[in-house]
C-alpha atoms as a PDB file:
ATOM      1  CA  MET A   1     -54.871 -66.085 -74.769  1.00  0.00           C
ATOM      2  CA  ASN A   2     -58.190 -64.449 -74.002  1.00  0.00           C
ATOM      3  CA  ARG A   3     -58.337 -66.221 -70.651  1.00  0.00           C
ATOM      4  CA  LEU A   4     -54.934 -64.835 -69.717  1.00  0.00           C
ATOM      5  CA  LYS A   5     -55.962 -61.296 -70.658  1.00  0.00           C
ATOM      6  CA  ALA A   6     -59.174 -61.658 -68.683  1.00  0.00           C
ATOM      7  CA  MET A   7     -57.283 -62.900 -65.623  1.00  0.00           C
ATOM      8  CA  LEU A   8     -54.719 -60.058 -65.812  1.00  0.00           C
ATOM      9  CA  TYR A   9     -57.555 -57.544 -66.178  1.00  0.00           C
ATOM     10  CA  LYS A  10     -59.292 -58.996 -63.110  1.00  0.00           C
ATOM     11  CA  GLU A  11     -56.078 -58.849 -61.055  1.00  0.00           C
ATOM     12  CA  PHE A  12     -55.419 -55.209 -61.927  1.00  0.00           C
ATOM     13  CA  ILE A  13     -58.984 -54.336 -60.934  1.00  0.00           C
ATOM     14  CA  GLN A  14     -58.429 -56.170 -57.643  1.00  0.00           C
ATOM     15  CA  LEU A  15     -55.165 -54.245 -57.044  1.00  0.00           C
ATOM     16  CA  ARG A  16     -56.952 -50.917 -57.547  1.00  0.00           C
ATOM     17  CA  ARG A  17     -59.569 -51.936 -54.991  1.00  0.00           C
ATOM     18  CA  ASP A  18     -57.093 -53.278 -52.423  1.00  0.00           C
ATOM     19  CA  VAL A  19     -54.674 -50.407 -51.689  1.00  0.00           C
ATOM     20  CA  MET A  20     -52.837 -52.338 -48.958  1.00  0.00           C
ATOM     21  CA  MET A  21     -51.896 -55.109 -51.410  1.00  0.00           C
ATOM     22  CA  LEU A  22     -50.593 -52.514 -53.886  1.00  0.00           C
ATOM     23  CA  ARG A  23     -48.425 -50.967 -51.166  1.00  0.00           C
ATOM     24  CA  LEU A  24     -47.029 -54.382 -50.237  1.00  0.00           C
ATOM     25  CA  LEU A  25     -46.216 -55.177 -53.857  1.00  0.00           C
ATOM     26  CA  ILE A  26     -44.260 -51.952 -54.176  1.00  0.00           C
ATOM     27  CA  MET A  27     -42.636 -51.724 -50.730  1.00  0.00           C
ATOM     28  CA  LEU A  28     -41.525 -55.315 -50.095  1.00  0.00           C
ATOM     29  CA  PRO A  29     -38.966 -55.488 -52.929  1.00  0.00           C
ATOM     30  CA  ILE A  30     -37.601 -52.069 -51.958  1.00  0.00           C
ATOM     31  CA  VAL A  31     -37.200 -53.122 -48.316  1.00  0.00           C
ATOM     32  CA  GLN A  32     -35.518 -56.384 -49.352  1.00  0.00           C
ATOM     33  CA  ILE A  33     -33.039 -54.555 -51.579  1.00  0.00           C
ATOM     34  CA  ILE A  34     -32.146 -52.165 -48.760  1.00  0.00           C
ATOM     35  CA  ILE A  35     -31.769 -54.901 -46.122  1.00  0.00           C
ATOM     36  CA  PHE A  36     -29.742 -57.276 -48.304  1.00  0.00           C
ATOM     37  CA  GLY A  37     -27.645 -54.432 -49.649  1.00  0.00           C
ATOM     38  CA  LEU A  38     -26.594 -53.495 -46.131  1.00  0.00           C
ATOM     39  CA  ALA A  39     -26.240 -57.050 -44.843  1.00  0.00           C
ATOM     40  CA  ILE A  40     -24.012 -58.423 -47.596  1.00  0.00           C
ATOM     41  CA  ASP A  41     -20.346 -57.668 -46.992  1.00  0.00           C
ATOM     42  CA  THR A  42     -18.073 -58.552 -49.887  1.00  0.00           C
ATOM     43  CA  ASP A  43     -14.903 -57.575 -48.050  1.00  0.00           C
ATOM     44  CA  VAL A  44     -13.089 -60.841 -47.323  1.00  0.00           C
ATOM     45  CA  LYS A  45     -10.691 -60.652 -44.389  1.00  0.00           C
ATOM     46  CA  HIS A  46      -8.589 -63.060 -42.330  1.00  0.00           C
ATOM     47  CA  ILE A  47      -7.777 -65.451 -45.171  1.00  0.00           C
ATOM     48  CA  PRO A  48      -5.893 -68.551 -43.909  1.00  0.00           C
ATOM     49  CA  THR A  49      -2.387 -68.384 -45.373  1.00  0.00           C
ATOM     50  CA  VAL A  50       0.585 -70.733 -45.631  1.00  0.00           C
ATOM     51  CA  VAL A  51       4.099 -69.321 -46.139  1.00  0.00           C
ATOM     52  CA  PHE A  52       7.155 -71.017 -47.646  1.00  0.00           C
ATOM     53  CA  ASP A  53      10.079 -68.686 -46.963  1.00  0.00           C
ATOM     54  CA  GLN A  54      13.191 -69.881 -48.787  1.00  0.00           C
ATOM     55  CA  CYS A  55      14.830 -66.488 -48.291  1.00  0.00           C
ATOM     56  CA  LYS A  56      14.651 -66.396 -44.473  1.00  0.00           C
ATOM     57  CA  GLN A  57      15.911 -62.841 -44.254  1.00  0.00           C
ATOM     58  CA  GLU A  58      14.632 -59.606 -42.806  1.00  0.00           C
ATOM     59  CA  GLU A  59      13.047 -58.408 -46.057  1.00  0.00           C
ATOM     60  CA  SER A  60      10.802 -61.447 -46.393  1.00  0.00           C
ATOM     61  CA  ARG A  61       9.732 -61.153 -42.753  1.00  0.00           C
ATOM     62  CA  GLU A  62       8.966 -57.452 -43.247  1.00  0.00           C
ATOM     63  CA  LEU A  63       6.908 -58.261 -46.315  1.00  0.00           C
ATOM     64  CA  MET A  64       4.932 -60.887 -44.393  1.00  0.00           C
ATOM     65  CA  ASP A  65       4.385 -58.320 -41.638  1.00  0.00           C
ATOM     66  CA  ALA A  66       3.012 -55.975 -44.307  1.00  0.00           C
ATOM     67  CA  PHE A  67       0.688 -58.759 -45.469  1.00  0.00           C
ATOM     68  CA  THR A  68      -0.642 -59.446 -41.975  1.00  0.00           C
ATOM     69  CA  ALA A  69      -0.981 -55.724 -41.217  1.00  0.00           C
ATOM     70  CA  THR A  70      -3.674 -55.513 -43.886  1.00  0.00           C
ATOM     71  CA  ASN A  71      -5.904 -57.859 -41.810  1.00  0.00           C
ATOM     72  CA  TYR A  72      -6.653 -59.797 -44.974  1.00  0.00           C
ATOM     73  CA  TYR A  73      -4.139 -62.560 -44.266  1.00  0.00           C
ATOM     74  CA  ASP A  74      -3.840 -64.792 -41.212  1.00  0.00           C
ATOM     75  CA  ILE A  75      -0.632 -66.797 -41.386  1.00  0.00           C
ATOM     76  CA  LYS A  76      -1.652 -70.195 -40.101  1.00  0.00           C
ATOM     77  CA  TYR A  77       1.187 -72.377 -41.381  1.00  0.00           C
ATOM     78  CA  TYR A  78       4.857 -72.188 -42.294  1.00  0.00           C
ATOM     79  CA  ALA A  79       5.798 -74.789 -44.877  1.00  0.00           C
ATOM     80  CA  ASP A  80       9.152 -76.471 -45.558  1.00  0.00           C
ATOM     81  CA  SER A  81       8.492 -77.240 -49.240  1.00  0.00           C
ATOM     82  CA  ILE A  82       6.326 -76.183 -52.156  1.00  0.00           C
ATOM     83  CA  ALA A  83       4.617 -79.583 -51.974  1.00  0.00           C
ATOM     84  CA  GLU A  84       3.529 -78.809 -48.411  1.00  0.00           C
ATOM     85  CA  VAL A  85       2.103 -75.466 -49.568  1.00  0.00           C
ATOM     86  CA  ASN A  86       0.111 -77.237 -52.274  1.00  0.00           C
ATOM     87  CA  ASP A  87      -1.100 -79.855 -49.792  1.00  0.00           C
ATOM     88  CA  LYS A  88      -2.364 -77.195 -47.368  1.00  0.00           C
ATOM     89  CA  ILE A  89      -4.227 -75.403 -50.157  1.00  0.00           C
ATOM     90  CA  ASN A  90      -5.635 -78.585 -51.709  1.00  0.00           C
ATOM     91  CA  SER A  91      -6.852 -79.846 -48.322  1.00  0.00           C
ATOM     92  CA  GLY A  92      -8.616 -76.546 -47.625  1.00  0.00           C
ATOM     93  CA  GLN A  93      -6.523 -75.677 -44.573  1.00  0.00           C
ATOM     94  CA  ALA A  94      -5.248 -72.562 -46.356  1.00  0.00           C
ATOM     95  CA  VAL A  95      -6.645 -70.421 -49.148  1.00  0.00           C
ATOM     96  CA  VAL A  96      -3.447 -68.542 -50.010  1.00  0.00           C
ATOM     97  CA  GLY A  97       0.146 -69.709 -50.292  1.00  0.00           C
ATOM     98  CA  VAL A  98       3.071 -67.269 -50.400  1.00  0.00           C
ATOM     99  CA  VAL A  99       6.439 -68.507 -51.658  1.00  0.00           C
ATOM    100  CA  PHE A 100       9.572 -66.370 -51.276  1.00  0.00           C
ATOM    101  CA  PRO A 101      12.476 -67.435 -53.534  1.00  0.00           C
ATOM    102  CA  PRO A 102      15.945 -67.894 -52.025  1.00  0.00           C
ATOM    103  CA  ASP A 103      17.473 -65.087 -54.099  1.00  0.00           C
ATOM    104  CA  MET A 104      14.814 -62.462 -53.379  1.00  0.00           C
ATOM    105  CA  VAL A 105      17.058 -60.139 -51.328  1.00  0.00           C
ATOM    106  CA  ARG A 106      19.859 -60.344 -53.889  1.00  0.00           C
ATOM    107  CA  ASP A 107      17.424 -59.274 -56.628  1.00  0.00           C
ATOM    108  CA  ILE A 108      16.106 -56.399 -54.518  1.00  0.00           C
ATOM    109  CA  LYS A 109      19.611 -55.132 -53.751  1.00  0.00           C
ATOM    110  CA  ARG A 110      20.501 -55.236 -57.432  1.00  0.00           C
ATOM    111  CA  GLY A 111      17.419 -53.188 -58.216  1.00  0.00           C
ATOM    112  CA  GLU A 112      15.799 -56.046 -60.123  1.00  0.00           C
ATOM    113  CA  ALA A 113      12.233 -57.248 -59.759  1.00  0.00           C
ATOM    114  CA  ALA A 114      11.932 -59.919 -57.095  1.00  0.00           C
ATOM    115  CA  GLN A 115       9.606 -62.770 -58.014  1.00  0.00           C
ATOM    116  CA  ILE A 116       7.237 -63.714 -55.184  1.00  0.00           C
ATOM    117  CA  GLN A 117       4.826 -66.524 -55.898  1.00  0.00           C
ATOM    118  CA  LEU A 118       1.243 -66.216 -54.668  1.00  0.00           C
ATOM    119  CA  ILE A 119      -0.794 -69.429 -54.899  1.00  0.00           C
ATOM    120  CA  VAL A 120      -4.522 -68.888 -54.443  1.00  0.00           C
ATOM    121  CA  ASP A 121      -7.382 -71.371 -54.188  1.00  0.00           C
ATOM    122  CA  ALA A 122      -9.853 -69.886 -56.654  1.00  0.00           C
ATOM    123  CA  SER A 123     -12.855 -71.987 -55.616  1.00  0.00           C
ATOM    124  CA  ASP A 124     -14.117 -68.879 -53.796  1.00  0.00           C
ATOM    125  CA  ASN A 125     -13.851 -66.145 -56.403  1.00  0.00           C
ATOM    126  CA  MET A 126     -14.406 -63.311 -53.939  1.00  0.00           C
ATOM    127  CA  ALA A 127     -11.640 -64.471 -51.578  1.00  0.00           C
ATOM    128  CA  ALA A 128      -9.262 -65.127 -54.479  1.00  0.00           C
ATOM    129  CA  SER A 129      -9.664 -61.722 -56.084  1.00  0.00           C
ATOM    130  CA  SER A 130      -9.413 -60.016 -52.688  1.00  0.00           C
ATOM    131  CA  ALA A 131      -6.233 -61.951 -51.854  1.00  0.00           C
ATOM    132  CA  ILE A 132      -4.570 -61.118 -55.157  1.00  0.00           C
ATOM    133  CA  SER A 133      -5.399 -57.420 -55.107  1.00  0.00           C
ATOM    134  CA  THR A 134      -4.374 -57.009 -51.463  1.00  0.00           C
ATOM    135  CA  ALA A 135      -1.070 -58.813 -52.084  1.00  0.00           C
ATOM    136  CA  GLN A 136      -0.322 -56.526 -55.012  1.00  0.00           C
ATOM    137  CA  LEU A 137      -1.019 -53.454 -52.892  1.00  0.00           C
ATOM    138  CA  ALA A 138       1.086 -54.687 -49.970  1.00  0.00           C
ATOM    139  CA  ILE A 139       4.018 -55.495 -52.260  1.00  0.00           C
ATOM    140  CA  LEU A 140       3.702 -52.146 -54.016  1.00  0.00           C
ATOM    141  CA  GLN A 141       3.753 -50.270 -50.703  1.00  0.00           C
ATOM    142  CA  LYS A 142       6.774 -52.232 -49.475  1.00  0.00           C
ATOM    143  CA  THR A 143       8.592 -51.602 -52.756  1.00  0.00           C
ATOM    144  CA  GLN A 144       7.932 -47.882 -52.449  1.00  0.00           C
ATOM    145  CA  GLN A 145       9.290 -47.900 -48.894  1.00  0.00           C
ATOM    146  CA  ILE A 146      12.476 -49.634 -50.059  1.00  0.00           C
ATOM    147  CA  GLN A 147      12.930 -47.145 -52.892  1.00  0.00           C
ATOM    148  CA  LEU A 148      12.359 -44.187 -50.567  1.00  0.00           C
ATOM    149  CA  SER A 149      14.925 -45.519 -48.093  1.00  0.00           C
ATOM    150  CA  LYS A 150      17.463 -45.920 -50.924  1.00  0.00           C
ATOM    151  CA  ILE A 151      16.856 -42.339 -52.040  1.00  0.00           C
ATOM    152  CA  SER A 152      17.155 -40.968 -48.510  1.00  0.00           C
ATOM    153  CA  ASN A 153      20.417 -42.922 -47.971  1.00  0.00           C
ATOM    154  CA  ARG A 154      21.942 -41.371 -51.096  1.00  0.00           C
ATOM    155  CA  GLU A 155      21.323 -37.827 -49.872  1.00  0.00           C
END
């Protein structure tokens, strides 16, 4: 233990003598934090997406347009079955799968909540959380537009 104390004492004496080394020890971590803080971008955009549209009506197309307008989703594939959606996600060709049920428009017209399935590959946590939150926002905005159009039609 005495050897360690003696070595630490010697190093601190050396730091006091060598001002340039002291500056480097203080400035290098600060510069690295600034550079890496500016260089790292956690905003994930252009996520490859596969869509299985069982509804095939205007509302589902408008909702997919709202998804792509966010620039977070790039629709790469249109699937014909849920198995194809799962295959695209499992193979890594797509990160997000969107499934529209066949009775989505009927539920919307009745004023009920339409169930849209969002399948996300969560191996990349940042892309998964970004995809989920962006989908929720896009659906919320589209729902508000539908409600506003219903209110304006009543007046």
